[in-house]
Amino acid sequence: MTVCPEAQPKGIQGLVTARALWAVRASAAQQAIDAATLALTEGVDSDPLRELAGANKDMNVFELGGLIDSALSTAGVNVGDMTEDDALMISARHYANCVLQGQMSVRELAAWAHSRLGHEGPEWAQELVELDDAFDALDGGWGREPDWEQILGRFLVSR
């Protein structure tokens, strides 16, 4: 990506996350709308950003993707070179933060990682994928509770 998203206002960072979620075919509308609204309150302003902030979360998914890209472009962020691996990493980090904020269960994250990334997936995702296996073992009675907070902490500080 052309501009380092971490150097951007939180609303724009949230739009990059929405773009990543959209790219991996996850639900992105609410994230995009919330991020656009936050960006406006942070002083970032453009017509696409205003349109996105006022959008309906049930809008057409293709229109949503175009609007996210337009809003980011007007903020000086080019995500045209976002790879699938970039999008998956950003999405996984987003979901890990959702777990830590109590917005998603750790088992949902682990199940997503296992089904979407899998054991043959990227090396950076393997601890998250194996977390799903650990929960399966626990449920089967032959495992112990995994230290998922430590696993998420390591994941979030890596890379």
C-alpha atoms as a PDB file:
ATOM      1  CA  MET A   1       0.000   0.000   0.000  1.00  0.00           C
ATOM      2  CA  THR A   2       1.289   3.428  -0.867  1.00  0.00           C
ATOM      3  CA  VAL A   3       0.826   5.170   2.477  1.00  0.00           C
ATOM      4  CA  CYS A   4       1.576   3.530   5.827  1.00  0.00           C
ATOM      5  CA  PRO A   5      -1.905   3.106   7.366  1.00  0.00           C
ATOM      6  CA  GLU A   6      -0.540   3.407  10.922  1.00  0.00           C
ATOM      7  CA  ALA A   7       0.478   7.004  10.152  1.00  0.00           C
ATOM      8  CA  GLN A   8      -3.117   7.898   9.268  1.00  0.00           C
ATOM      9  CA  PRO A   9      -5.973   9.036  11.542  1.00  0.00           C
ATOM     10  CA  LYS A  10      -7.854   6.189  13.248  1.00  0.00           C
ATOM     11  CA  GLY A  11     -10.830   6.633  10.922  1.00  0.00           C
ATOM     12  CA  ILE A  12      -8.657   6.121   7.864  1.00  0.00           C
ATOM     13  CA  GLN A  13      -6.993   3.121   9.515  1.00  0.00           C
ATOM     14  CA  GLY A  14     -10.501   1.760  10.053  1.00  0.00           C
ATOM     15  CA  LEU A  15     -11.271   2.266   6.365  1.00  0.00           C
ATOM     16  CA  VAL A  16      -8.149   0.298   5.428  1.00  0.00           C
ATOM     17  CA  THR A  17      -9.461  -2.468   7.689  1.00  0.00           C
ATOM     18  CA  ALA A  18     -12.877  -2.242   6.013  1.00  0.00           C
ATOM     19  CA  ARG A  19     -11.185  -2.530   2.617  1.00  0.00           C
ATOM     20  CA  ALA A  20      -9.305  -5.621   3.806  1.00  0.00           C
ATOM     21  CA  LEU A  21     -12.496  -7.194   5.157  1.00  0.00           C
ATOM     22  CA  TRP A  22     -14.240  -6.420   1.871  1.00  0.00           C
ATOM     23  CA  ALA A  23     -11.355  -7.962  -0.088  1.00  0.00           C
ATOM     24  CA  VAL A  24     -11.611 -11.256   1.823  1.00  0.00           C
ATOM     25  CA  ARG A  25     -15.398 -11.265   1.427  1.00  0.00           C
ATOM     26  CA  ALA A  26     -16.166 -10.630   5.078  1.00  0.00           C
ATOM     27  CA  SER A  27     -18.833  -8.291   6.368  1.00  0.00           C
ATOM     28  CA  ALA A  28     -17.328  -4.816   5.916  1.00  0.00           C
ATOM     29  CA  ALA A  29     -20.214  -2.345   5.702  1.00  0.00           C
ATOM     30  CA  GLN A  30     -20.586  -1.468   9.383  1.00  0.00           C
ATOM     31  CA  GLN A  31     -16.809  -1.185   9.787  1.00  0.00           C
ATOM     32  CA  ALA A  32     -16.644   1.128   6.756  1.00  0.00           C
ATOM     33  CA  ILE A  33     -19.531   3.310   7.897  1.00  0.00           C
ATOM     34  CA  ASP A  34     -18.155   3.623  11.429  1.00  0.00           C
ATOM     35  CA  ALA A  35     -14.646   4.366  10.147  1.00  0.00           C
ATOM     36  CA  ALA A  36     -15.910   6.996   7.710  1.00  0.00           C
ATOM     37  CA  THR A  37     -17.870   8.676  10.486  1.00  0.00           C
ATOM     38  CA  LEU A  38     -14.810   8.655  12.740  1.00  0.00           C
ATOM     39  CA  ALA A  39     -12.623  10.072   9.956  1.00  0.00           C
ATOM     40  CA  LEU A  40     -15.061  12.944   9.506  1.00  0.00           C
ATOM     41  CA  THR A  41     -14.948  13.722  13.224  1.00  0.00           C
ATOM     42  CA  GLU A  42     -11.153  13.683  12.984  1.00  0.00           C
ATOM     43  CA  GLY A  43     -11.256  16.414  10.347  1.00  0.00           C
ATOM     44  CA  VAL A  44     -10.794  14.291   7.231  1.00  0.00           C
ATOM     45  CA  ASP A  45     -13.405  15.387   4.704  1.00  0.00           C
ATOM     46  CA  SER A  46     -14.446  14.412   1.188  1.00  0.00           C
ATOM     47  CA  ASP A  47     -17.630  13.672  -0.699  1.00  0.00           C
ATOM     48  CA  PRO A  48     -16.974   9.890  -0.826  1.00  0.00           C
ATOM     49  CA  LEU A  49     -16.260   9.885   2.909  1.00  0.00           C
ATOM     50  CA  ARG A  50     -19.524  11.713   3.619  1.00  0.00           C
ATOM     51  CA  GLU A  51     -21.439   9.363   1.330  1.00  0.00           C
ATOM     52  CA  LEU A  52     -19.931   6.336   3.044  1.00  0.00           C
ATOM     53  CA  ALA A  53     -20.653   7.704   6.528  1.00  0.00           C
ATOM     54  CA  GLY A  54     -24.308   8.093   5.548  1.00  0.00           C
ATOM     55  CA  ALA A  55     -24.600   4.777   3.722  1.00  0.00           C
ATOM     56  CA  ASN A  56     -26.942   1.942   4.625  1.00  0.00           C
ATOM     57  CA  LYS A  57     -25.162  -1.148   5.929  1.00  0.00           C
ATOM     58  CA  ASP A  58     -27.202  -3.216   3.456  1.00  0.00           C
ATOM     59  CA  MET A  59     -25.824  -1.401   0.420  1.00  0.00           C
ATOM     60  CA  ASN A  60     -24.647  -3.345  -2.629  1.00  0.00           C
ATOM     61  CA  VAL A  61     -21.317  -4.982  -1.846  1.00  0.00           C
ATOM     62  CA  PHE A  62     -19.718  -3.820  -5.104  1.00  0.00           C
ATOM     63  CA  GLU A  63     -20.804  -0.231  -4.512  1.00  0.00           C
ATOM     64  CA  LEU A  64     -19.408  -0.527  -0.989  1.00  0.00           C
ATOM     65  CA  GLY A  65     -15.991  -1.594  -2.289  1.00  0.00           C
ATOM     66  CA  GLY A  66     -15.884   1.265  -4.779  1.00  0.00           C
ATOM     67  CA  LEU A  67     -16.931   3.778  -2.155  1.00  0.00           C
ATOM     68  CA  ILE A  68     -14.304   2.564   0.315  1.00  0.00           C
ATOM     69  CA  ASP A  69     -11.623   2.856  -2.382  1.00  0.00           C
ATOM     70  CA  SER A  70     -12.822   6.347  -3.352  1.00  0.00           C
ATOM     71  CA  ALA A  71     -12.865   7.524   0.260  1.00  0.00           C
ATOM     72  CA  LEU A  72      -9.356   6.174   0.834  1.00  0.00           C
ATOM     73  CA  SER A  73      -8.092   7.648  -2.418  1.00  0.00           C
ATOM     74  CA  THR A  74      -9.345  11.116  -1.511  1.00  0.00           C
ATOM     75  CA  ALA A  75      -7.498  10.729   1.811  1.00  0.00           C
ATOM     76  CA  GLY A  76      -4.279   9.926  -0.065  1.00  0.00           C
ATOM     77  CA  VAL A  77      -4.254   6.205   0.674  1.00  0.00           C
ATOM     78  CA  ASN A  78      -3.850   3.839  -2.275  1.00  0.00           C
ATOM     79  CA  VAL A  79      -4.952   0.295  -1.483  1.00  0.00           C
ATOM     80  CA  GLY A  80      -4.873  -0.873  -5.081  1.00  0.00           C
ATOM     81  CA  ASP A  81      -1.771  -2.920  -4.365  1.00  0.00           C
ATOM     82  CA  MET A  82      -3.249  -4.630  -1.276  1.00  0.00           C
ATOM     83  CA  THR A  83      -2.572  -8.341  -1.753  1.00  0.00           C
ATOM     84  CA  GLU A  84      -4.825 -11.101  -0.482  1.00  0.00           C
ATOM     85  CA  ASP A  85      -2.201 -11.902   2.164  1.00  0.00           C
ATOM     86  CA  ASP A  86      -2.201  -8.219   3.243  1.00  0.00           C
ATOM     87  CA  ALA A  87      -5.998  -8.281   3.473  1.00  0.00           C
ATOM     88  CA  LEU A  88      -6.012 -11.532   5.442  1.00  0.00           C
ATOM     89  CA  MET A  89      -3.394 -10.221   7.883  1.00  0.00           C
ATOM     90  CA  ILE A  90      -5.281  -6.950   8.419  1.00  0.00           C
ATOM     91  CA  SER A  91      -8.529  -8.884   8.868  1.00  0.00           C
ATOM     92  CA  ALA A  92      -6.955 -11.305  11.346  1.00  0.00           C
ATOM     93  CA  ARG A  93      -5.520  -8.415  13.369  1.00  0.00           C
ATOM     94  CA  HIS A  94      -8.921  -6.729  13.329  1.00  0.00           C
ATOM     95  CA  TYR A  95     -10.624  -9.881  14.585  1.00  0.00           C
ATOM     96  CA  ALA A  96      -7.953 -10.401  17.272  1.00  0.00           C
ATOM     97  CA  ASN A  97      -8.582  -6.862  18.514  1.00  0.00           C
ATOM     98  CA  CYS A  98     -12.336  -7.528  18.460  1.00  0.00           C
ATOM     99  CA  VAL A  99     -11.737 -10.522  20.744  1.00  0.00           C
ATOM    100  CA  LEU A 100      -9.686  -8.439  23.160  1.00  0.00           C
ATOM    101  CA  GLN A 101     -12.402  -5.759  23.192  1.00  0.00           C
ATOM    102  CA  GLY A 102     -15.116  -8.324  23.903  1.00  0.00           C
ATOM    103  CA  GLN A 103     -16.823  -7.866  20.512  1.00  0.00           C
ATOM    104  CA  MET A 104     -16.118 -11.390  19.288  1.00  0.00           C
ATOM    105  CA  SER A 105     -15.356 -14.689  20.970  1.00  0.00           C
ATOM    106  CA  VAL A 106     -11.905 -16.200  20.716  1.00  0.00           C
ATOM    107  CA  ARG A 107     -13.482 -19.372  19.384  1.00  0.00           C
ATOM    108  CA  GLU A 108     -15.047 -17.416  16.508  1.00  0.00           C
ATOM    109  CA  LEU A 109     -11.628 -15.996  15.633  1.00  0.00           C
ATOM    110  CA  ALA A 110      -9.984 -19.423  15.836  1.00  0.00           C
ATOM    111  CA  ALA A 111     -12.703 -21.014  13.695  1.00  0.00           C
ATOM    112  CA  TRP A 112     -12.362 -18.218  11.110  1.00  0.00           C
ATOM    113  CA  ALA A 113      -8.582 -18.660  11.016  1.00  0.00           C
ATOM    114  CA  HIS A 114      -8.871 -22.426  10.636  1.00  0.00           C
ATOM    115  CA  SER A 115     -11.492 -22.305   7.890  1.00  0.00           C
ATOM    116  CA  ARG A 116     -10.167 -19.258   6.005  1.00  0.00           C
ATOM    117  CA  LEU A 117      -6.399 -19.660   6.419  1.00  0.00           C
ATOM    118  CA  GLY A 118      -5.943 -23.326   7.276  1.00  0.00           C
ATOM    119  CA  HIS A 119      -2.893 -25.392   8.114  1.00  0.00           C
ATOM    120  CA  GLU A 120      -1.524 -24.884   4.601  1.00  0.00           C
ATOM    121  CA  GLY A 121      -1.954 -21.119   4.896  1.00  0.00           C
ATOM    122  CA  PRO A 122       0.559 -18.428   5.742  1.00  0.00           C
ATOM    123  CA  GLU A 123       3.087 -19.070   8.497  1.00  0.00           C
ATOM    124  CA  TRP A 124       1.993 -15.963  10.421  1.00  0.00           C
ATOM    125  CA  ALA A 125      -1.481 -17.487  10.888  1.00  0.00           C
ATOM    126  CA  GLN A 126      -0.543 -20.929  12.162  1.00  0.00           C
ATOM    127  CA  GLU A 127      -0.799 -20.201  15.876  1.00  0.00           C
ATOM    128  CA  LEU A 128      -4.335 -18.882  15.320  1.00  0.00           C
ATOM    129  CA  VAL A 129      -5.240 -21.917  13.217  1.00  0.00           C
ATOM    130  CA  GLU A 130      -3.843 -24.284  15.855  1.00  0.00           C
ATOM    131  CA  LEU A 131      -5.862 -22.453  18.500  1.00  0.00           C
ATOM    132  CA  ASP A 132      -8.984 -23.871  16.866  1.00  0.00           C
ATOM    133  CA  ASP A 133      -7.486 -27.365  17.136  1.00  0.00           C
ATOM    134  CA  ALA A 134      -6.741 -26.724  20.822  1.00  0.00           C
ATOM    135  CA  PHE A 135     -10.354 -25.745  21.465  1.00  0.00           C
ATOM    136  CA  ASP A 136     -11.530 -28.874  19.628  1.00  0.00           C
ATOM    137  CA  ALA A 137      -9.269 -30.977  21.851  1.00  0.00           C
ATOM    138  CA  LEU A 138     -10.593 -29.221  24.943  1.00  0.00           C
ATOM    139  CA  ASP A 139     -14.180 -29.885  23.870  1.00  0.00           C
ATOM    140  CA  GLY A 140     -13.278 -33.520  23.205  1.00  0.00           C
ATOM    141  CA  GLY A 141     -12.013 -33.939  26.740  1.00  0.00           C
ATOM    142  CA  TRP A 142      -8.376 -34.582  25.854  1.00  0.00           C
ATOM    143  CA  GLY A 143      -6.933 -31.111  25.932  1.00  0.00           C
ATOM    144  CA  ARG A 144      -6.480 -28.229  28.288  1.00  0.00           C
ATOM    145  CA  GLU A 145      -7.618 -24.634  28.006  1.00  0.00           C
ATOM    146  CA  PRO A 146      -5.224 -22.860  25.646  1.00  0.00           C
ATOM    147  CA  ASP A 147      -3.605 -19.608  26.770  1.00  0.00           C
ATOM    148  CA  TRP A 148      -5.345 -17.713  24.002  1.00  0.00           C
ATOM    149  CA  GLU A 149      -4.579 -14.273  25.462  1.00  0.00           C
ATOM    150  CA  GLN A 150      -0.868 -14.973  25.188  1.00  0.00           C
ATOM    151  CA  ILE A 151      -1.322 -16.302  21.646  1.00  0.00           C
ATOM    152  CA  LEU A 152      -3.248 -13.202  20.574  1.00  0.00           C
ATOM    153  CA  GLY A 153      -0.686 -10.957  22.254  1.00  0.00           C
ATOM    154  CA  ARG A 154       2.154 -12.611  20.339  1.00  0.00           C
ATOM    155  CA  PHE A 155       0.202 -12.381  17.115  1.00  0.00           C
ATOM    156  CA  LEU A 156      -0.565  -8.693  17.524  1.00  0.00           C
ATOM    157  CA  VAL A 157       3.050  -7.722  18.225  1.00  0.00           C
ATOM    158  CA  SER A 158       4.465  -9.850  15.408  1.00  0.00           C
ATOM    159  CA  ARG A 159       5.247  -8.602  11.941  1.00  0.00           C
END
